[in-house]
């Protein structure tokens, strides 16, 4: 995903990483996970002054997370084609686990 100077406000890499990692932590299959995600965003000190992210609805966060997961899966599929050795399942059980590892490296 390309991040750069955008006219208007859009999501940035730090926000995207937080969303996917927190979605993984909360449990992607939970019934009200996006309401919980919204609460986590609002309470995160990292986004204390990020009014754009804090003002997103649960439905908007769900759309963004779905977009991110689709992009991650597409990227993994491309890597799978290039490598041709290991299955996508063996390499990354879910797209969220991959970003969870990135989160641990950056310590969000």
C-alpha atoms as a PDB file:
ATOM      1  CA  UNK A   1       0.000   0.000   0.000  1.00  0.00           C
ATOM      2  CA  UNK A   2       1.413   3.363  -0.967  1.00  0.00           C
ATOM      3  CA  UNK A   3       1.594   6.015   1.740  1.00  0.00           C
ATOM      4  CA  UNK A   4       2.529   9.535   0.915  1.00  0.00           C
ATOM      5  CA  UNK A   5       1.289  13.056   0.957  1.00  0.00           C
ATOM      6  CA  UNK A   6      -2.424  12.928   0.381  1.00  0.00           C
ATOM      7  CA  UNK A   7      -4.945  15.652  -0.111  1.00  0.00           C
ATOM      8  CA  UNK A   8      -7.301  15.229   2.800  1.00  0.00           C
ATOM      9  CA  UNK A   9      -6.792  12.698   5.560  1.00  0.00           C
ATOM     10  CA  UNK A  10      -6.252   9.023   4.895  1.00  0.00           C
ATOM     11  CA  UNK A  11      -5.002   6.088   6.925  1.00  0.00           C
ATOM     12  CA  UNK A  12      -1.256   5.804   7.442  1.00  0.00           C
ATOM     13  CA  UNK A  13       0.990   2.783   7.964  1.00  0.00           C
ATOM     14  CA  UNK A  14       1.030   3.090  11.742  1.00  0.00           C
ATOM     15  CA  UNK A  15      -2.765   3.172  11.916  1.00  0.00           C
ATOM     16  CA  UNK A  16      -3.079   0.217   9.543  1.00  0.00           C
ATOM     17  CA  UNK A  17      -0.585  -1.834  11.543  1.00  0.00           C
ATOM     18  CA  UNK A  18      -2.445  -1.086  14.758  1.00  0.00           C
ATOM     19  CA  UNK A  19      -5.813  -2.020  13.239  1.00  0.00           C
ATOM     20  CA  UNK A  20      -4.704  -5.385  11.890  1.00  0.00           C
ATOM     21  CA  UNK A  21      -2.695  -6.334  14.967  1.00  0.00           C
ATOM     22  CA  UNK A  22      -5.469  -5.330  17.353  1.00  0.00           C
ATOM     23  CA  UNK A  23      -8.008  -7.181  15.204  1.00  0.00           C
ATOM     24  CA  UNK A  24      -5.838 -10.278  15.584  1.00  0.00           C
ATOM     25  CA  UNK A  25      -5.537  -9.795  19.353  1.00  0.00           C
ATOM     26  CA  UNK A  26      -9.267  -9.276  19.829  1.00  0.00           C
ATOM     27  CA  UNK A  27     -10.148 -12.254  17.664  1.00  0.00           C
ATOM     28  CA  UNK A  28     -11.138 -11.733  14.077  1.00  0.00           C
ATOM     29  CA  UNK A  29     -14.137 -14.093  14.386  1.00  0.00           C
ATOM     30  CA  UNK A  30     -15.743 -12.435  17.422  1.00  0.00           C
ATOM     31  CA  UNK A  31     -19.247 -11.107  16.964  1.00  0.00           C
ATOM     32  CA  UNK A  32     -18.656  -7.476  18.012  1.00  0.00           C
ATOM     33  CA  UNK A  33     -14.963  -7.288  17.211  1.00  0.00           C
ATOM     34  CA  UNK A  34     -15.216  -4.001  15.290  1.00  0.00           C
ATOM     35  CA  UNK A  35     -17.021  -2.282  18.152  1.00  0.00           C
ATOM     36  CA  UNK A  36     -14.248  -3.493  20.445  1.00  0.00           C
ATOM     37  CA  UNK A  37     -11.650  -2.361  17.919  1.00  0.00           C
ATOM     38  CA  UNK A  38     -13.207   1.099  17.876  1.00  0.00           C
ATOM     39  CA  UNK A  39     -12.981   1.230  21.679  1.00  0.00           C
ATOM     40  CA  UNK A  40      -9.329   0.152  21.573  1.00  0.00           C
ATOM     41  CA  UNK A  41      -8.543   2.871  19.007  1.00  0.00           C
ATOM     42  CA  UNK A  42     -10.234   5.496  21.150  1.00  0.00           C
ATOM     43  CA  UNK A  43      -8.332   4.387  24.269  1.00  0.00           C
ATOM     44  CA  UNK A  44      -4.907   3.944  22.645  1.00  0.00           C
ATOM     45  CA  UNK A  45      -2.439   6.617  23.779  1.00  0.00           C
ATOM     46  CA  UNK A  46      -0.747   6.286  20.398  1.00  0.00           C
ATOM     47  CA  UNK A  47      -3.758   7.960  18.765  1.00  0.00           C
ATOM     48  CA  UNK A  48      -4.492  10.484  21.487  1.00  0.00           C
ATOM     49  CA  UNK A  49      -4.636  13.364  18.999  1.00  0.00           C
ATOM     50  CA  UNK A  50      -5.556  11.422  15.876  1.00  0.00           C
ATOM     51  CA  UNK A  51      -9.085  12.707  15.449  1.00  0.00           C
ATOM     52  CA  UNK A  52      -9.422  11.116  12.033  1.00  0.00           C
ATOM     53  CA  UNK A  53      -8.924   7.588  13.347  1.00  0.00           C
ATOM     54  CA  UNK A  54     -10.771   8.178  16.606  1.00  0.00           C
ATOM     55  CA  UNK A  55     -13.842   9.411  14.739  1.00  0.00           C
ATOM     56  CA  UNK A  56     -14.171   6.308  12.519  1.00  0.00           C
ATOM     57  CA  UNK A  57     -17.272   4.181  13.033  1.00  0.00           C
ATOM     58  CA  UNK A  58     -17.151   0.433  13.564  1.00  0.00           C
ATOM     59  CA  UNK A  59     -18.378  -0.048   9.977  1.00  0.00           C
ATOM     60  CA  UNK A  60     -15.589   2.178   8.604  1.00  0.00           C
ATOM     61  CA  UNK A  61     -12.974   0.269  10.616  1.00  0.00           C
ATOM     62  CA  UNK A  62     -14.410  -3.001   9.333  1.00  0.00           C
ATOM     63  CA  UNK A  63     -14.133  -1.832   5.719  1.00  0.00           C
ATOM     64  CA  UNK A  64     -10.542  -0.727   6.272  1.00  0.00           C
ATOM     65  CA  UNK A  65      -9.559  -4.005   7.956  1.00  0.00           C
ATOM     66  CA  UNK A  66     -11.182  -6.023   5.173  1.00  0.00           C
ATOM     67  CA  UNK A  67      -9.233  -3.998   2.605  1.00  0.00           C
ATOM     68  CA  UNK A  68      -5.968  -4.540   4.482  1.00  0.00           C
ATOM     69  CA  UNK A  69      -6.516  -8.277   4.855  1.00  0.00           C
ATOM     70  CA  UNK A  70      -7.327  -8.561   1.142  1.00  0.00           C
ATOM     71  CA  UNK A  71      -4.123  -6.688   0.253  1.00  0.00           C
ATOM     72  CA  UNK A  72      -2.055  -8.883   2.558  1.00  0.00           C
ATOM     73  CA  UNK A  73      -3.562 -12.058   1.126  1.00  0.00           C
ATOM     74  CA  UNK A  74      -2.894 -10.824  -2.411  1.00  0.00           C
ATOM     75  CA  UNK A  75       0.722 -10.022  -1.536  1.00  0.00           C
ATOM     76  CA  UNK A  76       1.143 -13.460   0.043  1.00  0.00           C
ATOM     77  CA  UNK A  77      -0.306 -15.104  -3.073  1.00  0.00           C
ATOM     78  CA  UNK A  78       2.221 -13.240  -5.235  1.00  0.00           C
ATOM     79  CA  UNK A  79       5.051 -14.373  -2.961  1.00  0.00           C
ATOM     80  CA  UNK A  80       3.712 -17.918  -3.135  1.00  0.00           C
ATOM     81  CA  UNK A  81       3.801 -17.840  -6.921  1.00  0.00           C
ATOM     82  CA  UNK A  82       7.390 -16.586  -6.895  1.00  0.00           C
ATOM     83  CA  UNK A  83       8.620 -19.044  -4.289  1.00  0.00           C
ATOM     84  CA  UNK A  84       6.637 -22.038  -5.475  1.00  0.00           C
ATOM     85  CA  UNK A  85       7.992 -24.166  -2.610  1.00  0.00           C
ATOM     86  CA  UNK A  86       6.003 -23.666   0.556  1.00  0.00           C
ATOM     87  CA  UNK A  87       2.272 -23.304   0.803  1.00  0.00           C
ATOM     88  CA  UNK A  88       0.689 -20.046   1.902  1.00  0.00           C
ATOM     89  CA  UNK A  89      -0.705 -21.830   4.932  1.00  0.00           C
ATOM     90  CA  UNK A  90       2.712 -22.996   6.099  1.00  0.00           C
ATOM     91  CA  UNK A  91       4.302 -19.571   5.675  1.00  0.00           C
ATOM     92  CA  UNK A  92       1.638 -17.438   7.332  1.00  0.00           C
ATOM     93  CA  UNK A  93      -1.389 -19.006   8.947  1.00  0.00           C
ATOM     94  CA  UNK A  94      -3.294 -15.761   8.593  1.00  0.00           C
ATOM     95  CA  UNK A  95      -2.546 -12.307   7.318  1.00  0.00           C
ATOM     96  CA  UNK A  96      -3.110 -10.998  10.822  1.00  0.00           C
ATOM     97  CA  UNK A  97      -0.331 -13.175  12.245  1.00  0.00           C
ATOM     98  CA  UNK A  98       2.108 -11.625   9.807  1.00  0.00           C
ATOM     99  CA  UNK A  99       1.224  -8.124  10.905  1.00  0.00           C
ATOM    100  CA  UNK A 100       1.198  -9.230  14.524  1.00  0.00           C
ATOM    101  CA  UNK A 101       4.859 -10.142  14.114  1.00  0.00           C
ATOM    102  CA  UNK A 102       5.529  -6.740  12.550  1.00  0.00           C
ATOM    103  CA  UNK A 103       3.818  -5.135  15.501  1.00  0.00           C
ATOM    104  CA  UNK A 104       6.075  -6.961  17.914  1.00  0.00           C
ATOM    105  CA  UNK A 105       9.128  -5.761  15.977  1.00  0.00           C
ATOM    106  CA  UNK A 106       7.999  -2.140  16.057  1.00  0.00           C
ATOM    107  CA  UNK A 107       6.447  -2.335  19.547  1.00  0.00           C
ATOM    108  CA  UNK A 108       3.208  -0.431  18.912  1.00  0.00           C
END
